[in-house]
Protein backbone atom coordinates (compact mmCIF):
# COMPACT_ATOMS: atom_id res chain seq x y z
CA MET A 1 5.54 -27.06 126.24
CA GLU A 2 5.50 -30.57 127.06
CA GLU A 3 7.97 -30.58 130.02
CA CYS A 4 8.68 -28.35 132.94
CA PRO A 5 12.00 -26.56 132.31
CA ASP A 6 12.90 -26.68 135.85
CA CYS A 7 11.88 -30.10 137.01
CA GLN A 8 11.99 -31.89 133.64
CA VAL A 9 8.79 -33.75 134.20
CA SER A 10 5.53 -33.85 131.96
CA ILE A 11 3.20 -31.00 132.43
CA SER A 12 -0.50 -30.78 131.38
CA GLY A 13 -3.24 -28.40 131.05
CA LYS A 14 -5.40 -26.82 128.27
CA ALA A 15 -6.22 -23.37 129.45
CA ILE A 16 -5.40 -20.55 127.11
CA ALA A 17 -2.81 -18.08 128.56
CA TYR A 18 -3.23 -15.53 125.77
CA ASP A 19 -3.61 -15.19 122.08
CA ARG A 20 -1.77 -12.92 119.72
CA GLU A 21 -2.72 -11.58 116.32
CA VAL A 22 -0.16 -10.44 113.77
CA ILE A 23 -1.38 -8.19 110.93
CA ASP A 24 0.92 -7.67 107.94
CA ILE A 25 0.57 -6.80 104.22
CA PRO A 26 1.88 -8.88 101.34
CA LEU A 27 5.03 -7.60 99.60
CA LEU A 28 4.12 -7.94 95.95
CA SER A 29 5.82 -7.50 92.71
CA ALA A 30 4.45 -5.44 89.91
CA VAL A 31 2.76 -7.34 87.05
CA THR A 32 3.58 -6.31 83.57
CA THR A 33 1.30 -7.73 80.87
CA ARG A 34 2.52 -7.44 77.31
CA HIS A 35 -0.38 -7.37 74.83
CA ILE A 36 0.87 -8.37 71.36
CA VAL A 37 -1.50 -7.36 68.46
CA ILE A 38 -1.13 -9.37 65.42
CA LYS A 39 -1.75 -7.99 61.98
CA ARG A 40 -3.13 -9.99 59.17
CA LYS A 41 -3.19 -9.78 55.48
CA CYS A 42 -6.27 -10.79 53.40
CA TRP A 43 -5.05 -13.21 50.75
CA LYS A 44 -7.88 -11.97 48.44
CA CYS A 45 -7.92 -8.23 48.53
CA GLY A 46 -4.29 -7.72 49.88
CA LYS A 47 -5.49 -5.43 52.82
CA ILE A 48 -3.73 -5.45 56.14
CA TRP A 49 -6.01 -5.67 59.13
CA ILE A 50 -5.05 -4.89 62.70
CA PRO A 51 -7.65 -5.72 65.24
CA GLU A 52 -8.96 -2.90 67.73
CA VAL A 53 -7.95 -3.82 71.22
CA ASP A 54 -10.03 -2.40 74.14
CA LEU A 55 -7.84 -2.18 77.32
CA SER A 56 -10.21 0.32 79.02
CA ASP A 57 -10.70 -2.21 81.90
CA GLN A 58 -6.91 -2.12 82.60
CA VAL A 59 -5.72 1.39 81.72
CA LEU A 60 -6.87 5.01 81.45
CA GLY A 61 -6.57 6.11 77.92
CA LYS A 62 -3.19 5.36 76.12
CA SER A 63 -1.33 5.07 79.44
CA ARG A 64 0.73 2.00 80.25
CA LEU A 65 0.13 2.38 83.94
CA GLY A 66 -2.82 0.24 85.06
CA HIS A 67 -5.75 1.20 87.08
CA ASN A 68 -4.29 -0.02 90.49
CA LEU A 69 -1.06 1.74 90.03
CA THR A 70 -2.98 4.93 88.88
CA SER A 71 -5.27 4.69 91.98
CA LEU A 72 -2.26 4.18 94.32
CA THR A 73 -0.14 7.07 92.80
CA ASN A 74 -3.18 9.36 92.74
CA PHE A 75 -4.08 8.63 96.24
CA MET A 76 -0.52 9.27 97.35
CA THR A 77 -0.24 12.52 95.46
CA GLU A 78 -3.62 14.03 95.86
CA TRP A 79 -4.91 12.75 99.30
CA LEU A 80 -1.69 12.26 101.19
CA ARG A 81 0.18 15.01 99.43
CA VAL A 82 3.34 12.98 98.95
CA PRO A 83 5.74 14.60 96.46
CA ILE A 84 6.19 12.82 93.27
CA GLU A 85 9.87 12.08 94.04
CA LYS A 86 8.92 10.22 97.24
CA VAL A 87 6.12 8.30 95.24
CA GLN A 88 8.88 7.18 92.87
CA GLU A 89 11.03 6.11 95.71
CA TYR A 90 8.19 4.15 97.20
CA LEU A 91 7.34 2.33 93.81
CA GLU A 92 10.97 1.53 93.37
CA THR A 93 11.54 0.34 97.05
CA VAL A 94 8.19 -1.73 97.30
CA TYR A 95 7.47 -2.84 93.69
CA LYS A 96 10.97 -2.50 91.88
CA LEU A 97 9.28 0.03 89.48
CA GLU A 98 10.91 2.89 87.87
CA ILE A 99 8.27 5.33 86.76
CA SER A 100 9.65 8.76 85.29
CA THR A 101 8.39 12.10 86.77
CA GLY A 102 6.83 12.86 83.41
CA ALA A 103 4.77 9.73 83.37
CA LEU A 104 3.50 10.44 86.91
CA VAL A 105 2.55 13.94 86.04
CA GLU A 106 0.92 12.96 82.85
CA LEU A 107 -1.11 10.35 84.80
CA ARG A 108 -2.25 13.02 87.23
CA HIS A 109 -3.47 15.02 84.31
CA ARG A 110 -5.28 12.19 82.90
CA VAL A 111 -7.03 11.40 86.00
CA ALA A 112 -7.92 15.11 86.63
CA HIS A 113 -9.25 15.33 83.02
CA LYS A 114 -11.31 12.15 83.44
CA GLY A 115 -12.58 13.41 86.73
CA ALA A 116 -13.47 16.74 85.31
CA GLY A 117 -15.40 15.13 82.36
CA SER A 118 -17.49 12.94 84.70
CA HIS A 119 -19.10 15.93 86.45
CA HIS A 120 -20.93 17.20 83.18
């Protein structure tokens, strides 16, 4: 404030009256990355070659759901005990993602299988 609302004269001072902190989380969109694998043909032998692509740093197995999405849905269903239908509603509302019940159930099985394998 530069002026007294009642007297309409300049006011001064630098003492802090209070401070206020606001904590929020960003609303993010889901990120879809399409990997296009190009096959090539050898002009000499005629064989078709398709490169091996390792996406293990992004997904578990053949799933199309990435590690972050896997972690979030697994946390919600296993730790928070949120029903899959509610997880789907959350993903739709917050990320505009439509993930089928089957895909989420399969994802849970993949995580459980991977976890079981890590103990041996």
